[in-house]
C-alpha atoms as a PDB file:
ATOM      1  CA  MET A   1      25.824 133.874 170.113  1.00  0.00           C
ATOM      2  CA  ASN A   2      22.635 131.942 170.512  1.00  0.00           C
ATOM      3  CA  ALA A   3      22.959 129.110 172.774  1.00  0.00           C
ATOM      4  CA  MET A   4      21.894 125.786 171.619  1.00  0.00           C
ATOM      5  CA  ILE A   5      22.164 123.758 174.587  1.00  0.00           C
ATOM      6  CA  GLU A   6      21.677 125.437 177.828  1.00  0.00           C
ATOM      7  CA  MET A   7      21.406 123.887 181.701  1.00  0.00           C
ATOM      8  CA  GLN A   8      20.586 125.603 184.892  1.00  0.00           C
ATOM      9  CA  GLY A   9      20.725 124.010 187.777  1.00  0.00           C
ATOM     10  CA  VAL A  10      20.599 120.781 186.645  1.00  0.00           C
ATOM     11  CA  SER A  11      21.168 117.723 188.910  1.00  0.00           C
ATOM     12  CA  LYS A  12      20.594 113.858 187.764  1.00  0.00           C
ATOM     13  CA  ARG A  13      20.818 111.008 190.941  1.00  0.00           C
ATOM     14  CA  TYR A  14      20.456 107.230 190.300  1.00  0.00           C
ATOM     15  CA  SER A  15      19.956 104.991 193.035  1.00  0.00           C
ATOM     16  CA  ARG A  16      21.751 101.344 193.427  1.00  0.00           C
ATOM     17  CA  GLY A  17      20.929  99.528 196.111  1.00  0.00           C
ATOM     18  CA  ASN A  18      20.658 101.632 199.272  1.00  0.00           C
ATOM     19  CA  GLU A  19      23.044 104.052 197.846  1.00  0.00           C
ATOM     20  CA  THR A  20      22.214 107.341 195.885  1.00  0.00           C
ATOM     21  CA  LEU A  21      24.777 108.439 193.330  1.00  0.00           C
ATOM     22  CA  THR A  22      24.903 111.960 192.060  1.00  0.00           C
ATOM     23  CA  VAL A  23      25.482 112.249 188.910  1.00  0.00           C
ATOM     24  CA  LEU A  24      24.870 115.683 188.038  1.00  0.00           C
ATOM     25  CA  ASP A  25      25.153 118.074 191.156  1.00  0.00           C
ATOM     26  CA  SER A  26      22.999 121.500 189.956  1.00  0.00           C
ATOM     27  CA  LEU A  27      25.268 121.791 186.570  1.00  0.00           C
ATOM     28  CA  ASP A  28      25.675 125.008 184.965  1.00  0.00           C
ATOM     29  CA  PHE A  29      26.229 124.256 181.304  1.00  0.00           C
ATOM     30  CA  GLN A  30      26.350 126.141 177.791  1.00  0.00           C
ATOM     31  CA  VAL A  31      27.177 125.495 174.211  1.00  0.00           C
ATOM     32  CA  ASP A  32      26.828 128.110 171.468  1.00  0.00           C
ATOM     33  CA  ALA A  33      25.919 127.621 167.976  1.00  0.00           C
ATOM     34  CA  GLY A  34      28.025 126.358 166.259  1.00  0.00           C
ATOM     35  CA  ASP A  35      30.715 125.252 168.708  1.00  0.00           C
ATOM     36  CA  PHE A  36      32.751 122.332 168.952  1.00  0.00           C
ATOM     37  CA  VAL A  37      32.627 121.341 172.714  1.00  0.00           C
ATOM     38  CA  ALA A  38      35.214 118.195 174.318  1.00  0.00           C
ATOM     39  CA  LEU A  39      33.488 116.859 177.647  1.00  0.00           C
ATOM     40  CA  MET A  40      36.372 115.051 179.632  1.00  0.00           C
ATOM     41  CA  GLY A  41      36.777 113.776 182.563  1.00  0.00           C
ATOM     42  CA  PRO A  42      37.161 110.343 184.665  1.00  0.00           C
ATOM     43  CA  SER A  43      34.328 107.650 184.212  1.00  0.00           C
ATOM     44  CA  GLY A  44      31.043 108.421 185.849  1.00  0.00           C
ATOM     45  CA  SER A  45      31.764 112.019 186.023  1.00  0.00           C
ATOM     46  CA  GLY A  46      28.337 112.988 184.462  1.00  0.00           C
ATOM     47  CA  LYS A  47      29.659 113.669 180.823  1.00  0.00           C
ATOM     48  CA  SER A  48      27.209 110.876 179.155  1.00  0.00           C
ATOM     49  CA  THR A  49      24.502 111.754 180.969  1.00  0.00           C
ATOM     50  CA  ILE A  50      24.569 115.424 179.934  1.00  0.00           C
ATOM     51  CA  LEU A  51      24.710 113.929 176.694  1.00  0.00           C
ATOM     52  CA  ASN A  52      21.440 111.826 177.087  1.00  0.00           C
ATOM     53  CA  ILE A  53      19.434 114.714 178.704  1.00  0.00           C
ATOM     54  CA  ALA A  54      20.817 117.534 175.790  1.00  0.00           C
ATOM     55  CA  GLY A  55      19.188 114.816 173.341  1.00  0.00           C
ATOM     56  CA  GLY A  56      15.919 114.066 175.267  1.00  0.00           C
ATOM     57  CA  LEU A  57      17.053 110.459 176.562  1.00  0.00           C
ATOM     58  CA  ASP A  58      16.754 111.218 179.837  1.00  0.00           C
ATOM     59  CA  ARG A  59      15.260 113.736 182.154  1.00  0.00           C
ATOM     60  CA  PRO A  60      17.258 115.834 185.225  1.00  0.00           C
ATOM     61  CA  ASP A  61      15.391 115.606 188.595  1.00  0.00           C
ATOM     62  CA  SER A  62      15.751 119.178 188.972  1.00  0.00           C
ATOM     63  CA  GLY A  63      17.270 122.208 186.937  1.00  0.00           C
ATOM     64  CA  ARG A  64      16.191 123.523 183.487  1.00  0.00           C
ATOM     65  CA  VAL A  65      17.297 122.294 179.860  1.00  0.00           C
ATOM     66  CA  SER A  66      16.723 124.099 176.485  1.00  0.00           C
ATOM     67  CA  VAL A  67      18.170 123.171 173.073  1.00  0.00           C
ATOM     68  CA  ALA A  68      17.645 124.528 169.969  1.00  0.00           C
ATOM     69  CA  GLY A  69      15.214 126.591 171.612  1.00  0.00           C
ATOM     70  CA  SER A  70      13.043 124.050 173.033  1.00  0.00           C
ATOM     71  CA  ASP A  71      12.290 123.353 176.881  1.00  0.00           C
ATOM     72  CA  LEU A  72      13.077 120.037 177.364  1.00  0.00           C
ATOM     73  CA  GLY A  73      11.125 119.972 180.630  1.00  0.00           C
ATOM     74  CA  ALA A  74       7.726 121.392 179.007  1.00  0.00           C
ATOM     75  CA  MET A  75       7.842 118.441 176.505  1.00  0.00           C
ATOM     76  CA  SER A  76       5.927 114.950 176.781  1.00  0.00           C
ATOM     77  CA  SER A  77       7.935 111.846 175.999  1.00  0.00           C
ATOM     78  CA  SER A  78       5.809 111.685 172.967  1.00  0.00           C
ATOM     79  CA  ALA A  79       6.594 115.109 171.782  1.00  0.00           C
ATOM     80  CA  LEU A  80      10.346 114.502 172.358  1.00  0.00           C
ATOM     81  CA  ALA A  81      10.712 111.632 169.670  1.00  0.00           C
ATOM     82  CA  PRO A  82       9.616 113.826 166.480  1.00  0.00           C
ATOM     83  CA  TRP A  83      11.625 116.393 168.607  1.00  0.00           C
ATOM     84  CA  ARG A  84      15.161 114.573 168.348  1.00  0.00           C
ATOM     85  CA  SER A  85      14.527 113.821 164.841  1.00  0.00           C
ATOM     86  CA  MET A  86      14.319 117.328 163.707  1.00  0.00           C
ATOM     87  CA  HIS A  87      17.104 118.435 165.899  1.00  0.00           C
ATOM     88  CA  ILE A  88      19.473 116.094 167.175  1.00  0.00           C
ATOM     89  CA  GLY A  89      21.902 113.676 165.664  1.00  0.00           C
ATOM     90  CA  PHE A  90      23.616 110.800 167.490  1.00  0.00           C
ATOM     91  CA  VAL A  91      26.786 109.010 167.465  1.00  0.00           C
ATOM     92  CA  PHE A  92      27.616 106.180 169.782  1.00  0.00           C
ATOM     93  CA  GLN A  93      30.488 104.159 170.342  1.00  0.00           C
ATOM     94  CA  SER A  94      28.994 100.827 168.942  1.00  0.00           C
ATOM     95  CA  PHE A  95      27.851 102.191 166.023  1.00  0.00           C
ATOM     96  CA  ASN A  96      24.679 100.374 166.558  1.00  0.00           C
ATOM     97  CA  LEU A  97      23.741  99.661 162.992  1.00  0.00           C
ATOM     98  CA  MET A  98      21.715  96.866 161.930  1.00  0.00           C
ATOM     99  CA  PRO A  99      23.334  93.832 160.317  1.00  0.00           C
ATOM    100  CA  VAL A 100      20.782  92.788 158.065  1.00  0.00           C
ATOM    101  CA  LEU A 101      20.353  96.544 156.596  1.00  0.00           C
ATOM    102  CA  THR A 102      22.925  97.728 153.845  1.00  0.00           C
ATOM    103  CA  ALA A 103      24.664 101.299 154.657  1.00  0.00           C
ATOM    104  CA  LEU A 104      22.280 102.750 152.722  1.00  0.00           C
ATOM    105  CA  GLU A 105      18.908 101.509 154.739  1.00  0.00           C
ATOM    106  CA  ASN A 106      20.516 102.048 158.083  1.00  0.00           C
ATOM    107  CA  VAL A 107      21.196 105.743 157.010  1.00  0.00           C
ATOM    108  CA  MET A 108      17.403 106.176 155.801  1.00  0.00           C
ATOM    109  CA  LEU A 109      16.139 104.733 159.351  1.00  0.00           C
ATOM    110  CA  PRO A 110      15.937 108.185 161.432  1.00  0.00           C
ATOM    111  CA  LEU A 111      14.169 109.618 157.953  1.00  0.00           C
ATOM    112  CA  LEU A 112      11.451 107.156 158.552  1.00  0.00           C
ATOM    113  CA  LEU A 113       9.891 109.661 161.215  1.00  0.00           C
ATOM    114  CA  THR A 114       9.615 112.647 158.903  1.00  0.00           C
ATOM    115  CA  PRO A 115       7.210 112.974 156.480  1.00  0.00           C
ATOM    116  CA  LEU A 116       9.251 112.450 153.242  1.00  0.00           C
ATOM    117  CA  ARG A 117       8.390 110.469 150.717  1.00  0.00           C
ATOM    118  CA  SER A 118      10.553 107.221 150.413  1.00  0.00           C
ATOM    119  CA  SER A 119      12.523 108.776 146.866  1.00  0.00           C
ATOM    120  CA  GLU A 120      12.809 111.393 148.984  1.00  0.00           C
ATOM    121  CA  ARG A 121      14.415 109.707 151.839  1.00  0.00           C
ATOM    122  CA  LYS A 122      16.689 107.928 149.303  1.00  0.00           C
ATOM    123  CA  LYS A 123      18.186 111.224 148.059  1.00  0.00           C
ATOM    124  CA  GLN A 124      19.154 112.486 151.519  1.00  0.00           C
ATOM    125  CA  ALA A 125      20.322 109.452 152.446  1.00  0.00           C
ATOM    126  CA  GLU A 126      22.738 109.293 149.736  1.00  0.00           C
ATOM    127  CA  PHE A 127      23.847 113.015 149.724  1.00  0.00           C
ATOM    128  CA  ALA A 128      24.486 112.071 153.616  1.00  0.00           C
ATOM    129  CA  LEU A 129      26.887 108.846 153.109  1.00  0.00           C
ATOM    130  CA  ASP A 130      28.331 110.940 149.843  1.00  0.00           C
ATOM    131  CA  VAL A 131      29.328 113.713 152.534  1.00  0.00           C
ATOM    132  CA  VAL A 132      30.875 110.270 154.740  1.00  0.00           C
ATOM    133  CA  GLY A 133      32.931 109.757 151.784  1.00  0.00           C
ATOM    134  CA  LEU A 134      30.981 106.126 151.304  1.00  0.00           C
ATOM    135  CA  SER A 135      29.257 106.866 147.908  1.00  0.00           C
ATOM    136  CA  ASP A 136      30.746 103.241 146.954  1.00  0.00           C
ATOM    137  CA  ARG A 137      29.490 101.423 149.817  1.00  0.00           C
ATOM    138  CA  MET A 138      26.182 102.118 150.312  1.00  0.00           C
ATOM    139  CA  THR A 139      24.702  98.283 149.637  1.00  0.00           C
ATOM    140  CA  HIS A 140      27.083  97.101 151.827  1.00  0.00           C
ATOM    141  CA  ARG A 141      26.144  95.595 155.132  1.00  0.00           C
ATOM    142  CA  PRO A 142      27.750  96.516 158.307  1.00  0.00           C
ATOM    143  CA  LYS A 143      30.030  93.277 158.852  1.00  0.00           C
ATOM    144  CA  GLN A 144      31.380  94.157 155.258  1.00  0.00           C
ATOM    145  CA  LEU A 145      32.829  97.074 156.573  1.00  0.00           C
ATOM    146  CA  SER A 146      35.916  98.091 158.808  1.00  0.00           C
ATOM    147  CA  GLY A 147      35.223  99.952 162.108  1.00  0.00           C
ATOM    148  CA  GLY A 148      36.388 103.489 160.572  1.00  0.00           C
ATOM    149  CA  GLN A 149      33.356 102.755 157.925  1.00  0.00           C
ATOM    150  CA  GLU A 150      30.886 101.767 160.190  1.00  0.00           C
ATOM    151  CA  GLN A 151      31.596 105.085 162.309  1.00  0.00           C
ATOM    152  CA  ARG A 152      31.640 106.946 159.161  1.00  0.00           C
ATOM    153  CA  VAL A 153      27.594 105.176 158.312  1.00  0.00           C
ATOM    154  CA  ALA A 154      26.629 106.182 161.951  1.00  0.00           C
ATOM    155  CA  ILE A 155      27.691 110.004 161.451  1.00  0.00           C
ATOM    156  CA  ALA A 156      25.928 109.747 157.794  1.00  0.00           C
ATOM    157  CA  ARG A 157      22.835 108.491 159.633  1.00  0.00           C
ATOM    158  CA  ALA A 158      23.203 111.236 162.310  1.00  0.00           C
ATOM    159  CA  ILE A 159      23.159 113.529 159.768  1.00  0.00           C
ATOM    160  CA  ALA A 160      20.692 112.443 157.684  1.00  0.00           C
ATOM    161  CA  THR A 161      17.860 114.345 159.078  1.00  0.00           C
ATOM    162  CA  ASP A 162      20.179 117.702 158.674  1.00  0.00           C
ATOM    163  CA  PRO A 163      19.560 118.291 162.791  1.00  0.00           C
ATOM    164  CA  ASP A 164      21.315 121.428 164.588  1.00  0.00           C
ATOM    165  CA  LEU A 165      23.358 119.466 167.115  1.00  0.00           C
ATOM    166  CA  ILE A 166      25.551 116.493 166.780  1.00  0.00           C
ATOM    167  CA  LEU A 167      25.897 114.474 170.072  1.00  0.00           C
ATOM    168  CA  ALA A 168      28.713 111.817 170.245  1.00  0.00           C
ATOM    169  CA  ASP A 169      29.620 109.507 172.824  1.00  0.00           C
ATOM    170  CA  GLU A 170      33.159 108.171 172.323  1.00  0.00           C
ATOM    171  CA  PRO A 171      32.753 108.303 168.912  1.00  0.00           C
ATOM    172  CA  THR A 172      36.599 106.963 168.465  1.00  0.00           C
ATOM    173  CA  GLY A 173      36.320 104.246 171.339  1.00  0.00           C
ATOM    174  CA  ASP A 174      36.693 101.012 169.306  1.00  0.00           C
ATOM    175  CA  LEU A 175      38.755 102.511 166.579  1.00  0.00           C
ATOM    176  CA  ASP A 176      42.388 102.427 165.981  1.00  0.00           C
ATOM    177  CA  ARG A 177      44.570 105.539 165.814  1.00  0.00           C
ATOM    178  CA  GLU A 178      43.685 106.003 161.541  1.00  0.00           C
ATOM    179  CA  SER A 179      40.208 105.347 161.823  1.00  0.00           C
ATOM    180  CA  ALA A 180      39.526 107.835 165.001  1.00  0.00           C
ATOM    181  CA  THR A 181      41.979 110.022 163.172  1.00  0.00           C
ATOM    182  CA  SER A 182      39.490 109.755 159.921  1.00  0.00           C
ATOM    183  CA  VAL A 183      36.149 110.156 161.825  1.00  0.00           C
ATOM    184  CA  MET A 184      37.261 112.927 164.163  1.00  0.00           C
ATOM    185  CA  GLU A 185      38.489 114.905 161.233  1.00  0.00           C
ATOM    186  CA  LEU A 186      35.311 113.641 159.574  1.00  0.00           C
ATOM    187  CA  LEU A 187      33.330 115.727 162.595  1.00  0.00           C
ATOM    188  CA  GLN A 188      35.980 118.519 162.817  1.00  0.00           C
ATOM    189  CA  ARG A 189      34.209 119.270 159.185  1.00  0.00           C
ATOM    190  CA  LEU A 190      30.900 118.913 159.657  1.00  0.00           C
ATOM    191  CA  ASN A 191      30.968 121.462 162.047  1.00  0.00           C
ATOM    192  CA  LYS A 192      33.443 123.837 160.136  1.00  0.00           C
ATOM    193  CA  GLU A 193      31.840 123.428 156.928  1.00  0.00           C
ATOM    194  CA  MET A 194      28.418 122.541 157.302  1.00  0.00           C
ATOM    195  CA  GLY A 195      28.024 124.514 160.624  1.00  0.00           C
ATOM    196  CA  LYS A 196      27.160 121.520 163.097  1.00  0.00           C
ATOM    197  CA  THR A 197      27.135 122.295 166.354  1.00  0.00           C
ATOM    198  CA  LEU A 198      29.081 119.267 167.961  1.00  0.00           C
ATOM    199  CA  VAL A 199      29.893 117.775 171.649  1.00  0.00           C
ATOM    200  CA  VAL A 200      31.766 114.868 171.926  1.00  0.00           C
ATOM    201  CA  VAL A 201      31.885 112.930 175.072  1.00  0.00           C
ATOM    202  CA  THR A 202      35.910 111.348 175.292  1.00  0.00           C
ATOM    203  CA  HIS A 203      38.676 109.978 176.931  1.00  0.00           C
ATOM    204  CA  ASP A 204      40.937 110.781 173.679  1.00  0.00           C
ATOM    205  CA  PRO A 205      43.160 113.576 174.065  1.00  0.00           C
ATOM    206  CA  MET A 206      43.291 113.998 170.214  1.00  0.00           C
ATOM    207  CA  VAL A 207      39.385 115.027 170.133  1.00  0.00           C
ATOM    208  CA  GLY A 208      40.383 117.471 173.050  1.00  0.00           C
ATOM    209  CA  GLU A 209      42.725 119.382 170.643  1.00  0.00           C
ATOM    210  CA  LEU A 210      40.579 119.346 167.468  1.00  0.00           C
ATOM    211  CA  ALA A 211      37.868 120.990 169.999  1.00  0.00           C
ATOM    212  CA  GLN A 212      36.947 124.206 170.029  1.00  0.00           C
ATOM    213  CA  ARG A 213      36.189 123.939 174.102  1.00  0.00           C
ATOM    214  CA  THR A 214      37.054 121.273 176.100  1.00  0.00           C
ATOM    215  CA  ALA A 215      34.962 121.108 179.248  1.00  0.00           C
ATOM    216  CA  HIS A 216      36.378 118.592 182.336  1.00  0.00           C
ATOM    217  CA  LEU A 217      33.980 117.187 184.597  1.00  0.00           C
ATOM    218  CA  ASP A 218      34.597 115.361 187.953  1.00  0.00           C
ATOM    219  CA  LYS A 219      31.884 114.142 190.473  1.00  0.00           C
ATOM    220  CA  GLY A 220      28.862 115.809 188.426  1.00  0.00           C
ATOM    221  CA  LEU A 221      30.577 119.398 188.598  1.00  0.00           C
ATOM    222  CA  LEU A 222      31.891 121.372 185.908  1.00  0.00           C
ATOM    223  CA  VAL A 223      35.891 121.907 187.351  1.00  0.00           C
ATOM    224  CA  ASP A 224      37.677 123.526 184.003  1.00  0.00           C
ATOM    225  CA  VAL A 225      36.387 125.117 180.365  1.00  0.00           C
ATOM    226  CA  THR A 226      39.395 125.937 177.695  1.00  0.00           C
ATOM    227  CA  GLY A 227      39.430 127.604 174.417  1.00  0.00           C
ATOM    228  CA  GLU A 228      36.906 129.291 172.627  1.00  0.00           C
ATOM    229  CA  GLY A 229      33.540 129.072 170.957  1.00  0.00           C
ATOM    230  CA  PRO A 230      32.601 129.676 167.374  1.00  0.00           C
END
């Protein structure tokens, strides 16, 4: 099985006043193509930092990171932006939708970084909204949608460019149980039916139960991995 994410000896530290915090400590971590991995552990254990490094939003202080066949350490900051638009879809807890834009316009945003014509961008965004079950909400703005619908728009935005890898940071954190279940079933379907590799940071045991593998972190170390990959 090809590795979608491969981290070798990855360390990350942050300074807070006179104190240095080690967030990741010589971490070795691998996610195979087609896998669905839940990252779990206490707050501050390094879960979101792994997502940020895998998505090219942050760089480690040491170690090697390869994602979708690319060595991220060898890429310039200017090269990372188009690389992300091709390979990575992000889903966040707070949705991060533009309130003045419709659902369709929000989903089209990442497609602006592609060479597609306007008509092609619209067609891909409409398809993504159809995949998440919101064909009838394309002209609605975020304030006209429920929390679960907003997160579905965010997922549609994440898959609009047909990325290899979806990185989701607490995607159910602001949702009620019914909406959270619906969102996670959607993400699971994207993994099983569309072959998307999925890494989800979560405190929600339900997410861990749906994932193929669960990786537990504590103080920047990978302490336990359960389950089997694809």
